[in-house]
Amino acid sequence: MRRADMASLRRLLLAFMTITVVGSGFFVPQWGFGKNKDSSDPPRPIVTTADTLELDNKNKIATFSGNVVAKQEQQGKEPIIIYCNKMVIYSIEETGKKPSPSSSKESGKKNLTQQNQVDKIVASGQVKILQGKDVATGETAVFYNADQKIVLSGNPKVWQGKNLIKGEEITVWIKENRSLVTSKGSNRVQAVIYQEEK
């Protein structure tokens, strides 16, 4: 697969990369490449709709169920849209030292603060990720934050325009800028690449 095709695959699957903390210590997914390098360009909101949203603050789990659609506009690009039957976001608490606005200068002490950080995001049931003509589908897509890894399984397929790649599992290591498509038994990896006309 060409480098441009792999980069497009990674951009498309980065939909699970970053999380934003909202309201009472819970969060909504924010697409990784929606995080703008230019600080004058504010982050774009993620609009997520579903039939139900269940928040389990004790276990730090948010579950969107039924006709889940998550969408984020992109500056100068097509919006990213994820469709699935269910999206579950698992978070972990991180304790860090941060100066508190209420701490006095004389005390010199820093207060401990707790923040939620995403551990894993699981989208399941007819998963479809779209950005323009780029499409990724599968039964399950899992983002592992610690490893910065996305695993698409359940008859996963990725299209860039007419080009197609499929296998039993597609894994993307975001920071390493690499991907792996695997299959077992008689189901072999398949790539259909159309030549560009000159």
Protein backbone atom coordinates (compact mmCIF):
# COMPACT_ATOMS: atom_id res chain seq x y z
CA MET A 1 0.00 0.00 0.00
CA ARG A 2 1.36 3.45 -0.92
CA ARG A 3 2.56 5.83 1.80
CA ALA A 4 -0.25 8.31 0.96
CA ASP A 5 -2.82 5.51 1.27
CA MET A 6 -1.44 4.45 4.66
CA ALA A 7 -1.44 8.07 5.88
CA SER A 8 -5.07 8.40 4.80
CA LEU A 9 -5.93 5.15 6.59
CA ARG A 10 -4.30 6.44 9.79
CA ARG A 11 -6.10 9.81 9.52
CA LEU A 12 -9.40 8.04 9.04
CA LEU A 13 -8.90 5.70 12.00
CA LEU A 14 -7.54 8.41 14.31
CA ALA A 15 -11.15 9.11 15.13
CA PHE A 16 -10.60 7.61 18.55
CA MET A 17 -7.41 9.42 19.49
CA THR A 18 -8.10 12.24 21.96
CA ILE A 19 -10.64 12.78 24.70
CA THR A 20 -11.96 15.98 26.22
CA VAL A 21 -13.26 16.21 29.78
CA VAL A 22 -16.74 17.73 29.96
CA GLY A 23 -19.02 18.82 32.77
CA SER A 24 -19.04 16.65 35.87
CA GLY A 25 -15.81 14.77 35.22
CA PHE A 26 -17.01 12.91 32.17
CA PHE A 27 -15.94 13.10 28.61
CA VAL A 28 -16.93 13.02 24.96
CA PRO A 29 -14.69 11.65 22.20
CA GLN A 30 -12.66 14.23 20.29
CA TRP A 31 -10.98 13.20 17.07
CA GLY A 32 -7.22 13.39 17.32
CA PHE A 33 -6.60 15.45 14.24
CA GLY A 34 -9.30 17.89 15.32
CA LYS A 35 -6.81 19.09 17.90
CA ASN A 36 -5.51 22.17 16.19
CA LYS A 37 -1.83 23.08 16.06
CA ASP A 38 -2.78 26.72 15.58
CA SER A 39 -3.96 27.90 18.98
CA SER A 40 -5.92 30.75 17.34
CA ASP A 41 -8.18 28.10 15.82
CA PRO A 42 -10.38 26.84 18.70
CA PRO A 43 -11.11 23.11 19.02
CA ARG A 44 -14.21 22.04 17.15
CA PRO A 45 -17.05 20.44 19.10
CA ILE A 46 -17.94 16.81 18.71
CA VAL A 47 -21.66 16.24 18.26
CA THR A 48 -22.64 12.75 19.38
CA THR A 49 -26.20 11.48 19.13
CA ALA A 50 -27.57 8.14 20.30
CA ASP A 51 -30.80 6.63 21.56
CA THR A 52 -29.32 6.46 25.08
CA LEU A 53 -26.30 7.64 27.06
CA GLU A 54 -25.41 5.86 30.30
CA LEU A 55 -22.78 7.40 32.58
CA ASP A 56 -21.18 5.23 35.24
CA ASN A 57 -19.08 7.75 37.16
CA LYS A 58 -17.94 5.20 39.77
CA ASN A 59 -16.38 2.92 37.15
CA LYS A 60 -15.59 5.81 34.75
CA ILE A 61 -17.52 4.38 31.81
CA ALA A 62 -19.69 6.26 29.31
CA THR A 63 -21.89 4.17 27.02
CA PHE A 64 -23.68 5.56 23.96
CA SER A 65 -26.21 3.02 22.61
CA GLY A 66 -28.52 2.78 19.62
CA ASN A 67 -27.91 4.51 16.30
CA VAL A 68 -24.74 6.24 17.53
CA VAL A 69 -23.47 9.04 15.28
CA ALA A 70 -20.43 11.12 16.27
CA LYS A 71 -19.40 14.01 14.01
CA GLN A 72 -16.67 16.64 14.07
CA GLU A 73 -16.14 19.35 11.48
CA GLN A 74 -12.59 19.79 10.16
CA GLN A 75 -10.98 23.02 9.01
CA GLY A 76 -10.47 22.83 5.25
CA LYS A 77 -11.46 19.14 5.15
CA GLU A 78 -14.53 16.97 5.09
CA PRO A 79 -16.06 16.26 8.54
CA ILE A 80 -15.27 12.97 10.27
CA ILE A 81 -18.33 10.89 11.05
CA ILE A 82 -18.51 7.63 13.01
CA TYR A 83 -21.60 5.43 12.91
CA CYS A 84 -22.02 2.41 15.19
CA ASN A 85 -24.60 0.63 17.34
CA LYS A 86 -22.67 1.20 20.57
CA MET A 87 -19.71 3.28 21.74
CA VAL A 88 -18.18 2.64 25.18
CA ILE A 89 -15.53 4.96 26.62
CA TYR A 90 -13.42 3.67 29.52
CA SER A 91 -11.35 6.14 31.50
CA ILE A 92 -8.82 6.05 34.29
CA GLU A 93 -8.01 8.66 36.90
CA GLU A 94 -4.69 10.43 36.82
CA THR A 95 -3.46 12.37 39.79
CA GLY A 96 -1.10 15.19 39.02
CA LYS A 97 0.30 18.24 40.71
CA LYS A 98 -1.14 21.48 39.45
CA PRO A 99 -1.23 24.89 41.08
CA SER A 100 -4.70 25.62 42.34
CA PRO A 101 -6.12 29.10 41.74
CA SER A 102 -7.02 29.21 45.44
CA SER A 103 -3.53 28.37 46.71
CA SER A 104 -1.68 31.29 48.18
CA LYS A 105 1.73 32.43 47.01
CA GLU A 106 3.06 32.26 50.56
CA SER A 107 2.27 28.60 51.07
CA GLY A 108 4.26 27.45 48.05
CA LYS A 109 2.21 24.22 48.10
CA LYS A 110 0.72 22.68 45.00
CA ASN A 111 -2.65 20.97 45.23
CA LEU A 112 -3.23 17.52 43.83
CA THR A 113 -5.86 17.38 41.12
CA GLN A 114 -7.56 14.39 39.56
CA GLN A 115 -8.32 14.22 35.88
CA ASN A 116 -9.95 11.53 33.79
CA GLN A 117 -7.94 10.17 30.90
CA VAL A 118 -9.23 7.75 28.33
CA ASP A 119 -7.93 4.22 28.66
CA LYS A 120 -9.89 2.59 25.82
CA ILE A 121 -12.75 3.34 23.42
CA VAL A 122 -14.78 0.51 21.89
CA ALA A 123 -17.16 1.12 18.98
CA SER A 124 -19.18 -1.95 18.06
CA GLY A 125 -21.97 -3.07 15.77
CA GLN A 126 -21.81 -2.03 12.13
CA VAL A 127 -18.95 0.43 12.66
CA LYS A 128 -18.47 2.89 9.80
CA ILE A 129 -15.96 5.75 9.85
CA LEU A 130 -16.21 8.34 7.07
CA GLN A 131 -14.19 11.32 5.93
CA GLY A 132 -15.00 12.45 2.41
CA LYS A 133 -14.37 9.49 0.09
CA ASP A 134 -12.37 7.58 2.72
CA VAL A 135 -14.35 4.86 4.51
CA ALA A 136 -13.48 2.23 7.14
CA THR A 137 -15.95 -0.45 8.20
CA GLY A 138 -15.97 -3.39 10.59
CA GLU A 139 -17.94 -4.91 13.44
CA THR A 140 -15.61 -3.52 16.12
CA ALA A 141 -13.08 -0.69 16.37
CA VAL A 142 -11.00 -0.39 19.56
CA PHE A 143 -8.65 2.48 20.44
CA TYR A 144 -6.01 1.74 23.10
CA ASN A 145 -4.75 5.06 24.43
CA ALA A 146 -1.59 3.86 26.23
CA ASP A 147 -0.32 2.12 23.09
CA GLN A 148 -1.79 4.71 20.71
CA LYS A 149 -3.18 1.76 18.75
CA ILE A 150 -6.44 1.19 16.85
CA VAL A 151 -7.69 -2.33 16.05
CA LEU A 152 -10.48 -2.78 13.50
CA SER A 153 -11.98 -6.30 13.37
CA GLY A 154 -15.05 -8.21 12.24
CA ASN A 155 -14.60 -8.21 8.45
CA PRO A 156 -12.73 -4.88 8.43
CA LYS A 157 -12.40 -3.00 5.16
CA VAL A 158 -10.83 0.34 4.36
CA TRP A 159 -11.45 2.30 1.17
CA GLN A 160 -9.61 5.34 -0.10
CA GLY A 161 -11.64 6.33 -3.11
CA LYS A 162 -11.82 3.09 -5.13
CA ASN A 163 -8.77 1.50 -3.46
CA LEU A 164 -9.65 -1.22 -0.96
CA ILE A 165 -7.79 -3.22 1.68
CA LYS A 166 -9.34 -5.96 3.81
CA GLY A 167 -8.43 -8.78 6.14
CA GLU A 168 -9.52 -10.29 9.46
CA GLU A 169 -7.91 -7.53 11.51
CA ILE A 170 -6.43 -4.12 10.72
CA THR A 171 -4.12 -2.61 13.35
CA VAL A 172 -2.78 0.94 13.21
CA TRP A 173 0.01 2.18 15.50
CA ILE A 174 -0.54 5.92 15.39
CA LYS A 175 2.77 7.21 16.74
CA GLU A 176 4.83 4.64 14.84
CA ASN A 177 3.15 5.58 11.56
CA ARG A 178 2.60 1.93 10.61
CA SER A 179 -0.25 -0.50 9.99
CA LEU A 180 -0.69 -4.25 9.86
CA VAL A 181 -3.44 -6.19 8.08
CA THR A 182 -3.72 -9.87 9.06
CA SER A 183 -5.85 -12.88 8.18
CA LYS A 184 -5.94 -16.53 9.19
CA GLY A 185 -6.67 -19.73 7.32
CA SER A 186 -8.20 -19.40 3.87
CA ASN A 187 -9.24 -15.77 4.42
CA ARG A 188 -6.22 -13.96 3.04
CA VAL A 189 -5.39 -10.25 3.12
CA GLN A 190 -6.62 -8.51 -0.03
CA ALA A 191 -5.64 -5.13 -1.46
CA VAL A 192 -7.21 -3.67 -4.60
CA ILE A 193 -5.21 -0.64 -5.79
CA TYR A 194 -6.17 1.32 -8.87
CA GLN A 195 -3.39 2.96 -10.87
CA GLU A 196 -3.56 6.74 -11.07
CA GLU A 197 -4.06 8.06 -14.57
CA LYS A 198 -1.34 10.45 -15.74
